[in-house]
Amino acid sequence: MNTSGVYKRQLEVAKQDFPDVVERGEVVISESGIPVKLRLTLVDASVVDCFYSPSGKYSYHWDRRAINGSVYRHDNAPHARWQHVRTFPKHFHNGSEDAKDVQESTISDDPIMAIREFLSFVRNRLAAMGRNRVSERREGEQ
């Protein structure tokens, strides 16, 4: 599947399987018409950016810096400073870019499975904070 096909399929999965978390999404296209990334806007106004290349490079980045300063990202950029991580070059930024928050990443190398795994993580974090549509419905029912 080419990059455009991957992003379109990831967007379908996000909308169909995670409507309680994903408000909207779009495939971001460069001026030259090349798909650059998938951007998902979440119910708490934070964003998830997904980058995938046919060479196997990827990044699943949940940016909450404008909300509470946090960043969550699975990626496989082979930065030398993460060589100590057992799953190198795969690694996970768990809340920040600080070295103390970088840990092993077990996210799938398959981009469709990976978006499901990452959005499941996002769903669980938002539910714990009471910030997804499921938790909002439960609060309204009480």
N, C-alpha and C. Protein backbone atom coordinates (compact mmCIF):
# COMPACT_ATOMS: atom_id res chain seq x y z
N MET A 1 0.85 -1.18 0.00
CA MET A 1 0.00 0.00 0.00
C MET A 1 0.90 1.24 0.00
N ASN A 2 0.59 2.20 -0.86
CA ASN A 2 1.38 3.43 -0.91
C ASN A 2 1.02 4.35 0.27
N THR A 3 1.80 5.41 0.43
CA THR A 3 1.62 6.31 1.57
C THR A 3 0.21 6.90 1.62
N SER A 4 -0.30 7.33 0.48
CA SER A 4 -1.64 7.89 0.43
C SER A 4 -2.67 6.86 0.88
N GLY A 5 -2.52 5.62 0.42
CA GLY A 5 -3.43 4.55 0.81
C GLY A 5 -3.35 4.25 2.30
N VAL A 6 -2.14 4.29 2.85
CA VAL A 6 -1.96 4.05 4.29
C VAL A 6 -2.69 5.13 5.08
N TYR A 7 -2.48 6.40 4.72
CA TYR A 7 -3.14 7.48 5.47
C TYR A 7 -4.66 7.41 5.35
N LYS A 8 -5.15 7.10 4.16
CA LYS A 8 -6.61 7.00 3.98
C LYS A 8 -7.18 5.87 4.82
N ARG A 9 -6.50 4.74 4.85
CA ARG A 9 -6.97 3.59 5.64
C ARG A 9 -6.87 3.91 7.14
N GLN A 10 -5.79 4.55 7.56
CA GLN A 10 -5.67 4.95 8.97
C GLN A 10 -6.80 5.90 9.36
N LEU A 11 -7.14 6.83 8.47
CA LEU A 11 -8.22 7.77 8.75
C LEU A 11 -9.55 7.04 8.88
N GLU A 12 -9.79 6.07 8.01
CA GLU A 12 -11.02 5.26 8.13
C GLU A 12 -11.07 4.55 9.48
N VAL A 13 -9.99 3.93 9.88
CA VAL A 13 -9.93 3.23 11.16
C VAL A 13 -10.19 4.21 12.30
N ALA A 14 -9.56 5.37 12.25
CA ALA A 14 -9.73 6.37 13.32
C ALA A 14 -11.19 6.80 13.44
N LYS A 15 -11.83 7.07 12.32
CA LYS A 15 -13.22 7.54 12.35
C LYS A 15 -14.19 6.43 12.74
N GLN A 16 -13.96 5.21 12.22
CA GLN A 16 -14.89 4.12 12.47
C GLN A 16 -14.72 3.51 13.86
N ASP A 17 -13.49 3.30 14.27
CA ASP A 17 -13.23 2.57 15.51
C ASP A 17 -13.04 3.46 16.74
N PHE A 18 -12.82 4.75 16.54
CA PHE A 18 -12.52 5.64 17.67
C PHE A 18 -13.33 6.94 17.62
N PRO A 19 -14.65 6.85 17.36
CA PRO A 19 -15.45 8.07 17.28
C PRO A 19 -15.59 8.78 18.63
N ASP A 20 -15.33 8.07 19.71
CA ASP A 20 -15.39 8.66 21.05
C ASP A 20 -14.17 9.51 21.35
N VAL A 21 -13.14 9.40 20.52
CA VAL A 21 -11.87 10.09 20.74
C VAL A 21 -11.56 11.08 19.63
N VAL A 22 -11.83 10.68 18.38
CA VAL A 22 -11.45 11.48 17.22
C VAL A 22 -12.60 12.39 16.80
N GLU A 23 -12.35 13.68 16.84
CA GLU A 23 -13.33 14.68 16.43
C GLU A 23 -13.37 14.80 14.90
N ARG A 24 -12.18 14.90 14.30
CA ARG A 24 -12.07 15.00 12.84
C ARG A 24 -10.65 14.62 12.42
N GLY A 25 -10.48 14.39 11.13
CA GLY A 25 -9.17 14.03 10.63
C GLY A 25 -9.00 14.43 9.18
N GLU A 26 -7.74 14.55 8.79
CA GLU A 26 -7.45 14.89 7.39
C GLU A 26 -6.06 14.39 7.02
N VAL A 27 -5.92 14.05 5.75
CA VAL A 27 -4.61 13.75 5.22
C VAL A 27 -4.03 15.08 4.76
N VAL A 28 -2.91 15.48 5.34
CA VAL A 28 -2.27 16.75 5.00
C VAL A 28 -1.44 16.53 3.73
N ILE A 29 -1.70 17.37 2.74
CA ILE A 29 -1.05 17.27 1.43
C ILE A 29 -0.12 18.46 1.25
N SER A 30 1.09 18.21 0.72
CA SER A 30 2.05 19.29 0.45
C SER A 30 1.59 20.08 -0.76
N GLU A 31 2.22 21.22 -0.99
CA GLU A 31 1.91 22.05 -2.15
C GLU A 31 2.12 21.30 -3.46
N SER A 32 3.03 20.33 -3.45
CA SER A 32 3.30 19.55 -4.66
C SER A 32 2.36 18.36 -4.80
N GLY A 33 1.40 18.23 -3.86
CA GLY A 33 0.40 17.17 -3.96
C GLY A 33 0.78 15.85 -3.32
N ILE A 34 1.84 15.84 -2.53
CA ILE A 34 2.30 14.62 -1.88
C ILE A 34 1.70 14.55 -0.47
N PRO A 35 1.13 13.40 -0.08
CA PRO A 35 0.62 13.28 1.29
C PRO A 35 1.78 13.31 2.29
N VAL A 36 1.67 14.19 3.28
CA VAL A 36 2.74 14.41 4.25
C VAL A 36 2.49 13.65 5.55
N LYS A 37 1.24 13.69 6.02
CA LYS A 37 0.90 13.04 7.29
C LYS A 37 -0.61 12.97 7.43
N LEU A 38 -1.02 12.21 8.41
CA LEU A 38 -2.41 12.17 8.83
C LEU A 38 -2.51 13.00 10.10
N ARG A 39 -3.44 13.93 10.14
CA ARG A 39 -3.67 14.73 11.34
C ARG A 39 -5.07 14.45 11.87
N LEU A 40 -5.12 14.09 13.13
CA LEU A 40 -6.39 13.84 13.81
C LEU A 40 -6.56 14.86 14.93
N THR A 41 -7.71 15.50 14.96
CA THR A 41 -8.04 16.40 16.06
C THR A 41 -8.93 15.62 17.01
N LEU A 42 -8.57 15.64 18.28
CA LEU A 42 -9.27 14.85 19.28
C LEU A 42 -10.31 15.66 20.03
N VAL A 43 -11.13 14.98 20.79
CA VAL A 43 -12.24 15.62 21.50
C VAL A 43 -11.78 16.63 22.54
N ASP A 44 -10.53 16.54 22.99
CA ASP A 44 -10.02 17.52 23.96
C ASP A 44 -9.25 18.65 23.29
N ALA A 45 -9.34 18.73 21.94
CA ALA A 45 -8.67 19.75 21.12
C ALA A 45 -7.18 19.51 20.95
N SER A 46 -6.66 18.38 21.43
CA SER A 46 -5.27 18.03 21.15
C SER A 46 -5.21 17.37 19.77
N VAL A 47 -4.00 17.12 19.28
CA VAL A 47 -3.86 16.53 17.95
C VAL A 47 -2.94 15.32 17.98
N VAL A 48 -3.24 14.40 17.07
CA VAL A 48 -2.37 13.26 16.80
C VAL A 48 -1.90 13.42 15.36
N ASP A 49 -0.60 13.41 15.16
CA ASP A 49 -0.01 13.42 13.83
C ASP A 49 0.64 12.07 13.58
N CYS A 50 0.30 11.46 12.46
CA CYS A 50 0.87 10.17 12.07
C CYS A 50 1.68 10.37 10.81
N PHE A 51 2.91 9.93 10.86
CA PHE A 51 3.81 10.00 9.71
C PHE A 51 4.24 8.58 9.38
N TYR A 52 4.18 8.25 8.10
CA TYR A 52 4.59 6.93 7.63
C TYR A 52 5.30 7.08 6.30
N SER A 53 6.37 6.34 6.12
CA SER A 53 7.05 6.33 4.82
C SER A 53 7.20 4.90 4.34
N PRO A 54 7.21 4.70 3.04
CA PRO A 54 7.37 3.35 2.49
C PRO A 54 8.67 2.67 2.94
N SER A 55 9.66 3.45 3.35
CA SER A 55 10.92 2.88 3.82
C SER A 55 10.79 2.27 5.21
N GLY A 56 9.64 2.50 5.86
CA GLY A 56 9.42 1.93 7.18
C GLY A 56 9.55 2.91 8.32
N LYS A 57 9.92 4.15 8.04
CA LYS A 57 9.98 5.16 9.11
C LYS A 57 8.56 5.55 9.49
N TYR A 58 8.38 5.81 10.80
CA TYR A 58 7.06 6.20 11.26
C TYR A 58 7.16 7.04 12.53
N SER A 59 6.07 7.72 12.80
CA SER A 59 5.91 8.47 14.03
C SER A 59 4.42 8.59 14.31
N TYR A 60 4.04 8.27 15.54
CA TYR A 60 2.67 8.46 16.03
C TYR A 60 2.79 9.42 17.20
N HIS A 61 2.39 10.66 16.98
CA HIS A 61 2.70 11.76 17.90
C HIS A 61 1.42 12.39 18.41
N TRP A 62 1.20 12.30 19.73
CA TRP A 62 0.05 12.94 20.38
C TRP A 62 0.57 14.17 21.10
N ASP A 63 0.17 15.33 20.61
CA ASP A 63 0.68 16.59 21.13
C ASP A 63 -0.36 17.24 22.04
N ARG A 64 -0.03 17.31 23.33
CA ARG A 64 -0.90 17.94 24.33
C ARG A 64 -0.18 19.10 25.00
N ARG A 65 0.86 19.62 24.34
CA ARG A 65 1.65 20.70 24.97
C ARG A 65 0.81 21.92 25.26
N ALA A 66 -0.14 22.25 24.40
CA ALA A 66 -0.97 23.43 24.64
C ALA A 66 -1.97 23.21 25.78
N ILE A 67 -2.21 21.96 26.13
CA ILE A 67 -3.18 21.64 27.18
C ILE A 67 -2.49 21.47 28.53
N ASN A 68 -1.48 20.59 28.57
CA ASN A 68 -0.82 20.34 29.85
C ASN A 68 0.69 20.12 29.72
N GLY A 69 1.24 20.43 28.55
CA GLY A 69 2.67 20.32 28.35
C GLY A 69 3.18 18.94 27.97
N SER A 70 2.28 17.98 27.77
CA SER A 70 2.74 16.62 27.52
C SER A 70 2.80 16.26 26.03
N VAL A 71 3.64 15.28 25.75
CA VAL A 71 3.83 14.73 24.40
C VAL A 71 3.98 13.22 24.56
N TYR A 72 3.28 12.50 23.71
CA TYR A 72 3.40 11.04 23.66
C TYR A 72 3.72 10.67 22.22
N ARG A 73 4.79 9.91 22.02
CA ARG A 73 5.16 9.58 20.64
C ARG A 73 5.89 8.25 20.56
N HIS A 74 5.40 7.42 19.67
CA HIS A 74 6.13 6.23 19.25
C HIS A 74 6.80 6.59 17.93
N ASP A 75 8.10 6.34 17.82
CA ASP A 75 8.77 6.53 16.54
C ASP A 75 9.98 5.63 16.44
N ASN A 76 10.55 5.59 15.25
CA ASN A 76 11.72 4.75 15.05
C ASN A 76 12.88 5.53 14.44
N ALA A 77 12.94 6.82 14.75
CA ALA A 77 14.09 7.62 14.33
C ALA A 77 15.31 7.14 15.12
N PRO A 78 16.39 6.78 14.44
CA PRO A 78 17.54 6.16 15.12
C PRO A 78 18.48 7.16 15.79
N HIS A 79 17.95 7.97 16.69
CA HIS A 79 18.78 8.93 17.40
C HIS A 79 19.74 8.21 18.34
N ALA A 80 21.01 8.57 18.28
CA ALA A 80 22.04 7.91 19.09
C ALA A 80 21.72 7.95 20.58
N ARG A 81 21.06 9.02 21.04
CA ARG A 81 20.80 9.14 22.48
C ARG A 81 19.80 8.11 23.00
N TRP A 82 19.12 7.39 22.11
CA TRP A 82 18.17 6.36 22.55
C TRP A 82 18.72 4.95 22.32
N GLN A 83 20.00 4.82 22.04
CA GLN A 83 20.58 3.50 21.79
C GLN A 83 20.47 2.55 22.99
N HIS A 84 20.33 3.10 24.17
CA HIS A 84 20.21 2.26 25.37
C HIS A 84 18.84 1.59 25.48
N VAL A 85 17.86 2.06 24.72
CA VAL A 85 16.51 1.49 24.77
C VAL A 85 16.55 0.13 24.07
N ARG A 86 16.05 -0.89 24.74
CA ARG A 86 16.14 -2.26 24.23
C ARG A 86 15.53 -2.43 22.84
N THR A 87 14.49 -1.67 22.52
CA THR A 87 13.81 -1.81 21.23
C THR A 87 14.35 -0.86 20.16
N PHE A 88 15.49 -0.21 20.45
CA PHE A 88 16.11 0.75 19.52
C PHE A 88 16.16 0.16 18.10
N PRO A 89 15.80 0.94 17.07
CA PRO A 89 15.50 2.38 17.11
C PRO A 89 14.08 2.73 17.55
N LYS A 90 13.22 1.71 17.71
CA LYS A 90 11.87 1.98 18.19
C LYS A 90 11.94 2.47 19.63
N HIS A 91 11.19 3.53 19.93
CA HIS A 91 11.14 4.04 21.29
C HIS A 91 9.85 4.83 21.49
N PHE A 92 9.52 5.07 22.75
CA PHE A 92 8.28 5.75 23.12
C PHE A 92 8.58 6.89 24.07
N HIS A 93 8.12 8.08 23.71
CA HIS A 93 8.21 9.27 24.56
C HIS A 93 6.93 9.29 25.39
N ASN A 94 7.04 8.98 26.65
CA ASN A 94 5.88 8.82 27.52
C ASN A 94 5.63 10.06 28.36
N GLY A 95 5.13 11.10 27.72
CA GLY A 95 4.75 12.31 28.42
C GLY A 95 5.61 13.51 28.14
N SER A 96 6.87 13.27 27.73
CA SER A 96 7.76 14.40 27.42
C SER A 96 8.88 13.94 26.50
N GLU A 97 9.70 14.90 26.12
CA GLU A 97 10.88 14.63 25.29
C GLU A 97 12.10 14.31 26.17
N ASP A 98 11.95 14.41 27.48
CA ASP A 98 13.06 14.17 28.41
C ASP A 98 13.51 12.72 28.36
N ALA A 99 14.80 12.51 28.53
CA ALA A 99 15.37 11.16 28.49
C ALA A 99 14.72 10.24 29.53
N LYS A 100 14.35 10.78 30.68
CA LYS A 100 13.75 9.96 31.73
C LYS A 100 12.40 9.37 31.31
N ASP A 101 11.77 9.97 30.30
CA ASP A 101 10.45 9.53 29.85
C ASP A 101 10.49 8.70 28.57
N VAL A 102 11.68 8.37 28.08
CA VAL A 102 11.80 7.54 26.87
C VAL A 102 11.95 6.09 27.29
N GLN A 103 11.14 5.25 26.67
CA GLN A 103 11.14 3.84 27.03
C GLN A 103 10.93 2.96 25.80
N GLU A 104 10.90 1.66 26.03
CA GLU A 104 10.72 0.70 24.95
C GLU A 104 9.39 0.93 24.24
N SER A 105 9.38 0.63 22.95
CA SER A 105 8.16 0.72 22.15
C SER A 105 7.83 -0.65 21.59
N THR A 106 6.61 -1.07 21.82
CA THR A 106 6.15 -2.34 21.27
C THR A 106 5.08 -2.15 20.21
N ILE A 107 4.93 -0.92 19.72
CA ILE A 107 3.91 -0.65 18.72
C ILE A 107 4.21 -1.45 17.45
N SER A 108 3.17 -1.87 16.79
CA SER A 108 3.31 -2.69 15.58
C SER A 108 4.02 -1.92 14.47
N ASP A 109 4.75 -2.67 13.65
CA ASP A 109 5.36 -2.08 12.45
C ASP A 109 4.34 -1.93 11.32
N ASP A 110 3.21 -2.62 11.44
CA ASP A 110 2.14 -2.49 10.46
C ASP A 110 1.38 -1.20 10.75
N PRO A 111 1.28 -0.27 9.79
CA PRO A 111 0.69 1.04 10.08
C PRO A 111 -0.79 1.00 10.46
N ILE A 112 -1.52 0.01 9.99
CA ILE A 112 -2.94 -0.06 10.35
C ILE A 112 -3.10 -0.59 11.77
N MET A 113 -2.34 -1.61 12.11
CA MET A 113 -2.35 -2.10 13.49
C MET A 113 -1.82 -1.03 14.44
N ALA A 114 -0.79 -0.31 14.02
CA ALA A 114 -0.18 0.71 14.87
C ALA A 114 -1.16 1.83 15.20
N ILE A 115 -1.95 2.28 14.23
CA ILE A 115 -2.90 3.36 14.52
C ILE A 115 -3.94 2.87 15.53
N ARG A 116 -4.35 1.62 15.42
CA ARG A 116 -5.29 1.06 16.39
C ARG A 116 -4.66 1.01 17.78
N GLU A 117 -3.43 0.56 17.86
CA GLU A 117 -2.75 0.48 19.15
C GLU A 117 -2.56 1.87 19.76
N PHE A 118 -2.15 2.82 18.93
CA PHE A 118 -1.89 4.16 19.46
C PHE A 118 -3.18 4.84 19.90
N LEU A 119 -4.22 4.74 19.08
CA LEU A 119 -5.48 5.38 19.47
C LEU A 119 -6.14 4.66 20.65
N SER A 120 -5.86 3.40 20.85
CA SER A 120 -6.33 2.71 22.06
C SER A 120 -5.63 3.30 23.28
N PHE A 121 -4.33 3.55 23.16
CA PHE A 121 -3.59 4.21 24.23
C PHE A 121 -4.20 5.59 24.52
N VAL A 122 -4.45 6.36 23.46
CA VAL A 122 -5.03 7.69 23.61
C VAL A 122 -6.39 7.60 24.29
N ARG A 123 -7.23 6.66 23.84
CA ARG A 123 -8.56 6.48 24.41
C ARG A 123 -8.45 6.21 25.92
N ASN A 124 -7.56 5.32 26.29
CA ASN A 124 -7.41 4.97 27.70
C ASN A 124 -6.94 6.16 28.53
N ARG A 125 -6.00 6.93 28.00
CA ARG A 125 -5.52 8.12 28.73
C ARG A 125 -6.63 9.15 28.87
N LEU A 126 -7.37 9.40 27.79
CA LEU A 126 -8.45 10.38 27.85
C LEU A 126 -9.55 9.91 28.80
N ALA A 127 -9.88 8.64 28.78
CA ALA A 127 -10.91 8.11 29.68
C ALA A 127 -10.48 8.29 31.13
N ALA A 128 -9.20 8.06 31.40
CA ALA A 128 -8.69 8.23 32.76
C ALA A 128 -8.80 9.69 33.21
N MET A 129 -8.74 10.59 32.24
CA MET A 129 -8.88 12.02 32.55
C MET A 129 -10.33 12.48 32.45
N GLY A 130 -11.23 11.57 32.04
CA GLY A 130 -12.63 11.95 31.86
C GLY A 130 -12.85 12.83 30.65
N ARG A 131 -12.04 12.61 29.58
CA ARG A 131 -12.07 13.52 28.44
C ARG A 131 -12.50 12.89 27.12
N ASN A 132 -13.12 11.72 27.10
CA ASN A 132 -13.62 11.22 25.82
C ASN A 132 -15.14 11.18 25.85
N ARG A 133 -15.75 10.93 24.72
CA ARG A 133 -17.21 10.99 24.64
C ARG A 133 -17.88 9.91 25.49
N VAL A 134 -17.25 8.76 25.62
CA VAL A 134 -17.82 7.70 26.44
C VAL A 134 -17.88 8.14 27.90
N SER A 135 -16.79 8.70 28.42
CA SER A 135 -16.79 9.14 29.82
C SER A 135 -17.73 10.32 30.01
N GLU A 136 -17.87 11.19 29.00
CA GLU A 136 -18.79 12.32 29.12
C GLU A 136 -20.24 11.84 29.17
N ARG A 137 -20.58 10.79 28.37
CA ARG A 137 -21.93 10.23 28.40
C ARG A 137 -22.20 9.61 29.77
N ARG A 138 -21.24 8.91 30.32
CA ARG A 138 -21.42 8.29 31.63
C ARG A 138 -21.67 9.34 32.70
N GLU A 139 -20.95 10.45 32.63
CA GLU A 139 -21.16 11.53 33.61
C GLU A 139 -22.55 12.11 33.46
N GLY A 140 -23.04 12.26 32.22
CA GLY A 140 -24.36 12.82 31.97
C GLY A 140 -25.49 11.91 32.40
N GLU A 141 -25.23 10.60 32.44
CA GLU A 141 -26.24 9.63 32.84
C GLU A 141 -26.41 9.57 34.35
N GLN A 142 -25.44 10.04 35.08
CA GLN A 142 -25.51 9.94 36.55
C GLN A 142 -26.43 10.96 37.16
